[in-house]
C-alpha cells in the first residue's frame, strides 16, 4: 500500500530539485503572485518553473493548504465525511462510486486519498481517480499507459492527471470492460 506522506515528500523533493527553490520559497511565489484561482496558479507554476501538471497542482494545494486531506483534517472530517461532502447535492451518484470502489478492492490492497472533488486511489502511485463529473455521471480517471480504443474512453492530453477518463451514469456501466481498464491501471501502479 502506498504511503501518501512519503509520496508527497518525494514529490516535494522533486519539485525543489527541479525549481532550485525550497517549498517555503515556492509557497511565497504562490502567495505573492496576485493570482487567486487554482488553475491560474497551476498554469503560472508550469510556465515559470517547467513543472508538470501534477507537480504544479500539488504545489498549489500544498501552498494554499487546499488539498482534500488538509481540508478534511482542518475540518475534523473522516474519509467517509469527505466522500459525503464530495457527493453533496449528487447523492444519487454515490452508489456508482461505491460500485467502482468495490470492483477495485477485489484487485488487492489500495489506498484512498480524498481530494476536494474526487478520490485518488493508489498503490505505489495513483492508478485511478473517481468523483462526480456532472449531475448525472461520475468520472473515472485511469492512469494506464495504454488501453485499447473504445468509444467509452477519452484519451487525455499529455501532462494530464490521468491518461484516460470514462464517465459512468448507470450501474450497468460498472462492467467487465471497466474492470479490465481499472485492473490494468492497478497492476501498472505497482
Protein backbone atom coordinates (compact mmCIF):
# COMPACT_ATOMS: atom_id res chain seq x y z
CA UNK A 1 0.00 0.00 0.00
CA UNK A 2 1.27 3.46 -0.84
CA UNK A 3 2.17 5.89 1.90
CA UNK A 4 0.67 9.26 0.91
CA UNK A 5 3.00 11.22 3.21
CA UNK A 6 6.02 9.52 1.62
CA UNK A 7 4.63 10.15 -1.88
CA UNK A 8 4.08 13.84 -1.12
CA UNK A 9 7.55 14.13 0.43
CA UNK A 10 9.08 12.58 -2.70
CA UNK A 11 7.12 14.95 -4.94
CA UNK A 12 8.16 17.97 -2.86
CA UNK A 13 11.80 16.84 -3.07
CA UNK A 14 11.50 16.51 -6.86
CA UNK A 15 9.80 19.92 -7.17
CA UNK A 16 12.51 21.57 -5.07
CA UNK A 17 15.23 19.89 -7.15
CA UNK A 18 13.62 20.95 -10.42
CA UNK A 19 12.98 24.57 -9.38
CA UNK A 20 16.04 25.14 -7.19
CA UNK A 21 13.71 26.60 -4.55
CA UNK A 22 12.50 25.37 -1.17
CA UNK A 23 8.84 24.68 -0.54
CA UNK A 24 8.68 27.84 1.61
CA UNK A 25 10.10 29.91 -1.26
CA UNK A 26 7.64 28.37 -3.71
CA UNK A 27 4.73 28.99 -1.33
CA UNK A 28 5.86 32.63 -1.24
CA UNK A 29 5.82 32.75 -5.05
CA UNK A 30 2.22 31.50 -4.96
CA UNK A 31 1.24 33.95 -2.19
CA UNK A 32 2.72 36.99 -3.94
CA UNK A 33 1.67 36.11 -7.49
CA UNK A 34 -1.51 38.17 -7.36
CA UNK A 35 -3.41 35.16 -8.72
CA UNK A 36 -6.30 33.62 -6.80
CA UNK A 37 -7.70 30.80 -8.92
CA UNK A 38 -6.19 27.34 -8.58
CA UNK A 39 -5.93 26.80 -12.34
CA UNK A 40 -4.23 30.15 -12.89
CA UNK A 41 -1.70 29.40 -10.17
CA UNK A 42 -1.04 25.92 -11.58
CA UNK A 43 -0.50 27.31 -15.08
CA UNK A 44 1.82 30.04 -13.77
CA UNK A 45 3.95 27.44 -11.95
CA UNK A 46 4.06 25.18 -15.02
CA UNK A 47 5.18 28.06 -17.25
CA UNK A 48 7.57 29.70 -14.80
CA UNK A 49 9.30 26.59 -13.47
CA UNK A 50 8.64 23.95 -16.15
CA UNK A 51 6.67 21.78 -13.73
CA UNK A 52 4.32 19.07 -14.93
CA UNK A 53 0.58 19.33 -14.29
CA UNK A 54 0.66 17.01 -11.28
CA UNK A 55 3.66 18.74 -9.71
CA UNK A 56 2.19 22.22 -10.16
CA UNK A 57 -1.22 21.02 -8.94
CA UNK A 58 0.29 19.51 -5.80
CA UNK A 59 2.37 22.62 -5.18
CA UNK A 60 -0.70 24.87 -5.35
CA UNK A 61 -2.63 22.60 -2.98
CA UNK A 62 0.25 22.47 -0.51
CA UNK A 63 0.91 26.22 -0.68
CA UNK A 64 -2.78 27.02 -0.15
CA UNK A 65 -3.44 24.03 2.13
CA UNK A 66 -6.41 23.27 -0.11
CA UNK A 67 -5.84 19.59 -0.86
CA UNK A 68 -8.63 17.30 0.26
CA UNK A 69 -6.64 15.69 3.04
CA UNK A 70 -5.55 19.03 4.57
CA UNK A 71 -9.03 20.48 4.21
CA UNK A 72 -10.59 17.39 5.83
CA UNK A 73 -8.13 17.43 8.72
CA UNK A 74 -8.75 21.15 9.27
CA UNK A 75 -12.49 20.45 9.50
CA UNK A 76 -12.05 17.28 11.57
CA UNK A 77 -13.73 15.14 8.88
CA UNK A 78 -13.29 11.42 8.28
CA UNK A 79 -12.75 9.96 4.80
CA UNK A 80 -16.43 8.98 4.74
CA UNK A 81 -17.40 12.54 5.65
CA UNK A 82 -15.24 13.83 2.81
CA UNK A 83 -16.93 11.42 0.38
CA UNK A 84 -20.32 12.65 1.58
CA UNK A 85 -19.15 16.22 1.00
CA UNK A 86 -17.88 15.40 -2.50
CA UNK A 87 -21.30 13.97 -3.39
CA UNK A 88 -23.36 16.68 -1.66
CA UNK A 89 -26.24 17.51 -3.99
CA UNK A 90 -25.34 14.47 -6.13
CA UNK A 91 -26.06 11.74 -3.58
CA UNK A 92 -27.70 9.53 -6.19
CA UNK A 93 -24.28 9.16 -7.87
CA UNK A 94 -22.51 7.87 -4.77
CA UNK A 95 -23.66 4.23 -5.29
CA UNK A 96 -21.83 4.30 -8.64
CA UNK A 97 -18.66 5.39 -6.84
CA UNK A 98 -19.17 2.66 -4.24
CA UNK A 99 -19.63 0.05 -7.01
CA UNK A 100 -16.36 1.14 -8.68
CA UNK A 101 -14.59 1.00 -5.30
CA UNK A 102 -15.94 -2.49 -4.59
CA UNK A 103 -14.66 -3.58 -8.01
CA UNK A 104 -11.16 -2.16 -7.33
CA UNK A 105 -10.92 -3.66 -3.83
CA UNK A 106 -11.11 -7.14 -5.42
CA UNK A 107 -7.74 -6.49 -7.10
CA UNK A 108 -5.88 -6.20 -3.79
CA UNK A 109 -4.65 -3.61 -1.35
CA UNK A 110 -5.17 0.01 -2.33
CA UNK A 111 -5.28 3.37 -0.64
CA UNK A 112 -7.90 6.09 -0.93
CA UNK A 113 -6.77 9.71 -0.76
CA UNK A 114 -9.77 12.05 -0.75
CA UNK A 115 -9.25 15.30 -2.60
CA UNK A 116 -11.54 18.30 -2.87
CA UNK A 117 -13.81 16.98 -5.64
CA UNK A 118 -12.75 13.37 -6.14
CA UNK A 119 -10.92 10.46 -4.53
CA UNK A 120 -7.48 9.37 -5.70
CA UNK A 121 -6.83 5.63 -5.49
CA UNK A 122 -3.24 4.42 -5.40
CA UNK A 123 -0.79 1.68 -4.77
CA UNK A 124 2.82 2.82 -5.17
CA UNK A 125 1.37 5.60 -7.31
CA UNK A 126 -2.07 6.77 -8.33
CA UNK A 127 -3.91 4.43 -10.66
CA UNK A 128 -7.44 5.86 -10.66
CA UNK A 129 -9.47 8.91 -9.72
CA UNK A 130 -13.21 8.73 -9.08
CA UNK A 131 -15.67 11.55 -8.46
CA UNK A 132 -18.81 13.26 -9.69
CA UNK A 133 -18.39 14.98 -13.06
CA UNK A 134 -21.93 16.11 -13.86
CA UNK A 135 -25.29 15.84 -12.14
CA UNK A 136 -25.83 12.52 -13.90
CA UNK A 137 -22.39 10.89 -14.15
CA UNK A 138 -19.22 10.15 -12.24
CA UNK A 139 -15.86 10.25 -13.95
CA UNK A 140 -13.24 7.56 -13.58
CA UNK A 141 -9.71 8.65 -14.43
CA UNK A 142 -7.33 5.84 -15.41
CA UNK A 143 -3.54 6.03 -15.29
CA UNK A 144 -2.82 3.01 -17.50
CA UNK A 145 -0.14 3.73 -20.09
CA UNK A 146 -2.16 2.30 -22.95
CA UNK A 147 -5.69 1.00 -23.24
CA UNK A 148 -7.41 -0.36 -26.35
CA UNK A 149 -9.55 2.16 -28.22
CA UNK A 150 -13.13 2.21 -27.02
CA UNK A 151 -15.91 4.76 -27.54
CA UNK A 152 -16.38 4.93 -23.76
CA UNK A 153 -12.76 6.06 -23.25
CA UNK A 154 -11.47 9.57 -23.69
CA UNK A 155 -7.71 9.94 -24.08
CA UNK A 156 -6.45 12.98 -22.20
CA UNK A 157 -3.79 15.45 -23.37
CA UNK A 158 -0.17 14.95 -22.27
CA UNK A 159 0.63 16.04 -18.68
CA UNK A 160 -2.96 15.42 -17.53
CA UNK A 161 -3.67 13.90 -14.13
CA UNK A 162 -4.80 10.66 -15.83
CA UNK A 163 -4.12 9.22 -19.26
CA UNK A 164 -7.78 8.27 -19.87
CA UNK A 165 -11.21 9.08 -18.48
CA UNK A 166 -14.60 7.48 -18.78
CA UNK A 167 -17.98 8.56 -17.47
CA UNK A 168 -20.34 6.24 -15.65
CA UNK A 169 -24.02 7.12 -15.38
CA UNK A 170 -25.65 3.74 -14.74
CA UNK A 171 -24.84 0.63 -12.68
CA UNK A 172 -24.59 -1.47 -15.86
CA UNK A 173 -21.54 0.58 -16.91
CA UNK A 174 -19.62 -0.78 -13.91
CA UNK A 175 -18.89 -3.84 -16.01
CA UNK A 176 -16.16 -6.20 -17.16
CA UNK A 177 -14.80 -3.60 -19.60
CA UNK A 178 -14.33 -1.05 -16.82
CA UNK A 179 -12.87 -3.77 -14.59
CA UNK A 180 -10.27 -4.56 -17.26
CA UNK A 181 -9.22 -0.92 -17.57
CA UNK A 182 -9.04 -0.50 -13.80
CA UNK A 183 -7.12 -3.75 -13.40
CA UNK A 184 -4.51 -2.67 -15.94
CA UNK A 185 -4.11 0.69 -14.20
CA UNK A 186 -3.93 -1.08 -10.80
CA UNK A 187 -1.27 -3.52 -11.98
CA UNK A 188 0.87 -0.79 -13.58
CA UNK A 189 0.78 1.23 -10.34
CA UNK A 190 2.86 -1.35 -8.60
